[in-house]
N, C-alpha and C. Protein backbone atom coordinates (compact mmCIF):
# COMPACT_ATOMS: atom_id res chain seq x y z
N MET A 1 -15.52 25.13 1.59
CA MET A 1 -14.44 24.82 0.66
C MET A 1 -14.77 25.46 -0.68
N SER A 2 -13.82 26.16 -1.24
CA SER A 2 -14.05 26.83 -2.52
C SER A 2 -13.90 25.83 -3.67
N TYR A 3 -14.35 26.24 -4.83
CA TYR A 3 -14.22 25.39 -6.01
C TYR A 3 -12.74 25.12 -6.34
N ASP A 4 -11.89 26.12 -6.11
CA ASP A 4 -10.46 25.92 -6.36
C ASP A 4 -9.91 24.77 -5.52
N ASN A 5 -10.31 24.72 -4.26
CA ASN A 5 -9.84 23.64 -3.39
C ASN A 5 -10.37 22.29 -3.83
N ILE A 6 -11.62 22.25 -4.27
CA ILE A 6 -12.21 21.00 -4.74
C ILE A 6 -11.43 20.47 -5.93
N PHE A 7 -11.13 21.34 -6.89
CA PHE A 7 -10.38 20.91 -8.07
C PHE A 7 -8.96 20.52 -7.71
N TYR A 8 -8.36 21.22 -6.74
CA TYR A 8 -7.01 20.87 -6.31
C TYR A 8 -6.99 19.45 -5.74
N TYR A 9 -7.90 19.14 -4.84
CA TYR A 9 -7.93 17.81 -4.22
C TYR A 9 -8.30 16.73 -5.22
N TRP A 10 -9.20 17.06 -6.15
CA TRP A 10 -9.58 16.10 -7.18
C TRP A 10 -8.38 15.79 -8.06
N ASN A 11 -7.64 16.82 -8.49
CA ASN A 11 -6.46 16.62 -9.31
C ASN A 11 -5.38 15.87 -8.54
N LEU A 12 -5.22 16.17 -7.27
CA LEU A 12 -4.24 15.48 -6.45
C LEU A 12 -4.56 13.99 -6.37
N GLU A 13 -5.83 13.66 -6.25
CA GLU A 13 -6.25 12.26 -6.20
C GLU A 13 -5.95 11.55 -7.52
N ILE A 14 -6.22 12.20 -8.64
CA ILE A 14 -5.93 11.61 -9.95
C ILE A 14 -4.43 11.39 -10.12
N ILE A 15 -3.63 12.37 -9.73
CA ILE A 15 -2.18 12.24 -9.83
C ILE A 15 -1.69 11.07 -8.97
N THR A 16 -2.22 10.92 -7.78
CA THR A 16 -1.84 9.82 -6.90
C THR A 16 -2.15 8.47 -7.54
N VAL A 17 -3.32 8.34 -8.14
CA VAL A 17 -3.69 7.10 -8.81
C VAL A 17 -2.74 6.80 -9.96
N LEU A 18 -2.41 7.80 -10.76
CA LEU A 18 -1.50 7.60 -11.89
C LEU A 18 -0.10 7.21 -11.42
N ILE A 19 0.39 7.85 -10.39
CA ILE A 19 1.71 7.51 -9.85
C ILE A 19 1.72 6.08 -9.34
N ASN A 20 0.68 5.68 -8.64
CA ASN A 20 0.61 4.32 -8.10
C ASN A 20 0.62 3.29 -9.21
N GLU A 21 0.00 3.60 -10.35
CA GLU A 21 -0.01 2.66 -11.47
C GLU A 21 1.38 2.52 -12.08
N VAL A 22 2.12 3.60 -12.14
CA VAL A 22 3.46 3.57 -12.73
C VAL A 22 4.46 2.93 -11.78
N ILE A 23 4.40 3.25 -10.51
CA ILE A 23 5.37 2.78 -9.53
C ILE A 23 5.04 1.39 -9.00
N GLN A 24 3.83 0.93 -9.17
CA GLN A 24 3.38 -0.36 -8.64
C GLN A 24 3.41 -0.38 -7.12
N MET A 25 2.56 0.42 -6.55
CA MET A 25 2.46 0.47 -5.10
C MET A 25 1.53 -0.64 -4.61
N ALA A 26 1.93 -1.26 -3.52
CA ALA A 26 1.10 -2.26 -2.86
C ALA A 26 0.58 -1.64 -1.56
N ILE A 27 -0.42 -2.26 -1.00
CA ILE A 27 -0.97 -1.80 0.28
C ILE A 27 -0.57 -2.80 1.36
N ASP A 28 0.08 -2.29 2.39
CA ASP A 28 0.43 -3.11 3.55
C ASP A 28 -0.87 -3.60 4.17
N PRO A 29 -1.09 -4.93 4.26
CA PRO A 29 -2.36 -5.44 4.77
C PRO A 29 -2.61 -5.15 6.25
N ILE A 30 -1.59 -4.77 6.99
CA ILE A 30 -1.76 -4.49 8.41
C ILE A 30 -2.15 -3.04 8.65
N CYS A 31 -1.32 -2.12 8.19
CA CYS A 31 -1.54 -0.69 8.49
C CYS A 31 -2.15 0.09 7.33
N LYS A 32 -2.30 -0.57 6.16
CA LYS A 32 -2.90 0.03 4.96
C LYS A 32 -2.03 1.12 4.33
N MET A 33 -0.78 1.17 4.68
CA MET A 33 0.15 2.14 4.10
C MET A 33 0.57 1.66 2.72
N GLU A 34 0.86 2.60 1.81
CA GLU A 34 1.35 2.24 0.49
C GLU A 34 2.82 1.85 0.57
N VAL A 35 3.19 0.78 -0.16
CA VAL A 35 4.56 0.28 -0.16
C VAL A 35 4.99 0.08 -1.61
N ASP A 36 6.14 0.60 -1.97
CA ASP A 36 6.68 0.44 -3.32
C ASP A 36 7.15 -1.01 -3.48
N GLU A 37 6.54 -1.74 -4.40
CA GLU A 37 6.88 -3.15 -4.60
C GLU A 37 8.33 -3.33 -5.01
N ALA A 38 8.87 -2.39 -5.77
CA ALA A 38 10.24 -2.53 -6.28
C ALA A 38 11.29 -2.36 -5.19
N THR A 39 10.99 -1.62 -4.15
CA THR A 39 11.99 -1.35 -3.12
C THR A 39 11.61 -1.87 -1.73
N ALA A 40 10.53 -2.58 -1.65
CA ALA A 40 10.05 -3.08 -0.35
C ALA A 40 11.10 -3.99 0.30
N LYS A 41 11.42 -3.71 1.54
CA LYS A 41 12.39 -4.52 2.28
C LYS A 41 11.73 -5.70 2.98
N PHE A 42 10.42 -5.61 3.21
CA PHE A 42 9.72 -6.63 3.99
C PHE A 42 8.60 -7.23 3.15
N THR A 43 8.76 -8.50 2.79
CA THR A 43 7.74 -9.20 2.00
C THR A 43 7.49 -10.57 2.62
N PHE A 44 6.36 -11.14 2.24
CA PHE A 44 6.00 -12.46 2.75
C PHE A 44 5.15 -13.16 1.70
N GLU A 45 5.49 -14.39 1.39
CA GLU A 45 4.72 -15.20 0.44
C GLU A 45 3.70 -16.01 1.22
N PHE A 46 2.45 -15.97 0.75
CA PHE A 46 1.39 -16.73 1.41
C PHE A 46 0.39 -17.18 0.35
N LYS A 47 0.23 -18.48 0.23
CA LYS A 47 -0.71 -19.09 -0.73
C LYS A 47 -0.52 -18.54 -2.14
N GLY A 48 0.73 -18.44 -2.56
CA GLY A 48 1.05 -18.02 -3.92
C GLY A 48 1.02 -16.52 -4.16
N ASN A 49 0.75 -15.73 -3.15
CA ASN A 49 0.72 -14.26 -3.29
C ASN A 49 1.84 -13.65 -2.48
N THR A 50 2.38 -12.54 -2.99
CA THR A 50 3.39 -11.79 -2.26
C THR A 50 2.72 -10.62 -1.58
N TYR A 51 2.99 -10.46 -0.29
CA TYR A 51 2.47 -9.34 0.48
C TYR A 51 3.65 -8.44 0.86
N TYR A 52 3.41 -7.14 0.81
CA TYR A 52 4.45 -6.14 1.04
C TYR A 52 4.13 -5.36 2.31
N PHE A 53 5.20 -5.06 3.09
CA PHE A 53 5.01 -4.42 4.38
C PHE A 53 5.92 -3.21 4.52
N CYS A 54 5.45 -2.24 5.28
CA CYS A 54 6.21 -1.00 5.48
C CYS A 54 7.30 -1.16 6.54
N ALA A 55 7.13 -2.11 7.44
CA ALA A 55 8.06 -2.26 8.57
C ALA A 55 8.06 -3.71 9.06
N PRO A 56 9.10 -4.10 9.79
CA PRO A 56 9.15 -5.48 10.28
C PRO A 56 8.02 -5.83 11.24
N GLY A 57 7.52 -4.85 11.98
CA GLY A 57 6.42 -5.12 12.90
C GLY A 57 5.15 -5.54 12.18
N CYS A 58 4.86 -4.87 11.06
CA CYS A 58 3.67 -5.24 10.27
C CYS A 58 3.83 -6.64 9.68
N LYS A 59 5.04 -6.93 9.20
CA LYS A 59 5.30 -8.26 8.64
C LYS A 59 5.13 -9.34 9.72
N ALA A 60 5.68 -9.10 10.91
CA ALA A 60 5.59 -10.08 12.00
C ALA A 60 4.14 -10.32 12.40
N GLU A 61 3.36 -9.25 12.45
CA GLU A 61 1.94 -9.42 12.82
C GLU A 61 1.21 -10.25 11.76
N PHE A 62 1.51 -10.01 10.49
CA PHE A 62 0.89 -10.77 9.41
C PHE A 62 1.32 -12.24 9.48
N GLU A 63 2.60 -12.48 9.68
CA GLU A 63 3.11 -13.86 9.74
C GLU A 63 2.47 -14.65 10.87
N ALA A 64 2.13 -13.99 11.96
CA ALA A 64 1.53 -14.66 13.10
C ALA A 64 0.13 -15.19 12.80
N ASN A 65 -0.59 -14.52 11.90
CA ASN A 65 -1.97 -14.91 11.59
C ASN A 65 -2.39 -14.37 10.23
N PRO A 66 -1.82 -14.89 9.14
CA PRO A 66 -2.12 -14.35 7.81
C PRO A 66 -3.59 -14.49 7.40
N GLU A 67 -4.24 -15.54 7.86
CA GLU A 67 -5.65 -15.75 7.50
C GLU A 67 -6.53 -14.59 7.93
N LYS A 68 -6.14 -13.91 8.98
CA LYS A 68 -6.91 -12.78 9.51
C LYS A 68 -6.94 -11.61 8.53
N TYR A 69 -5.91 -11.50 7.67
CA TYR A 69 -5.74 -10.33 6.82
C TYR A 69 -6.00 -10.58 5.35
N VAL A 70 -6.24 -11.82 4.94
CA VAL A 70 -6.52 -12.09 3.52
C VAL A 70 -7.94 -12.53 3.30
């Protein structure tokens, strides 16, 4: 890997972190995918916390056994 590629990936990682801070991305506890909190269609409240999911299947799996994922 050349130095140009290293700097490209490093900058890409920094940009991703900054975007996540502005957009408020959550991590789906099942599949670890990023989910936009503002537009998430699938959420679940558990012990005072809101969890965000990318799809209904991830939400259903979490609802079946939330203790496993928190």
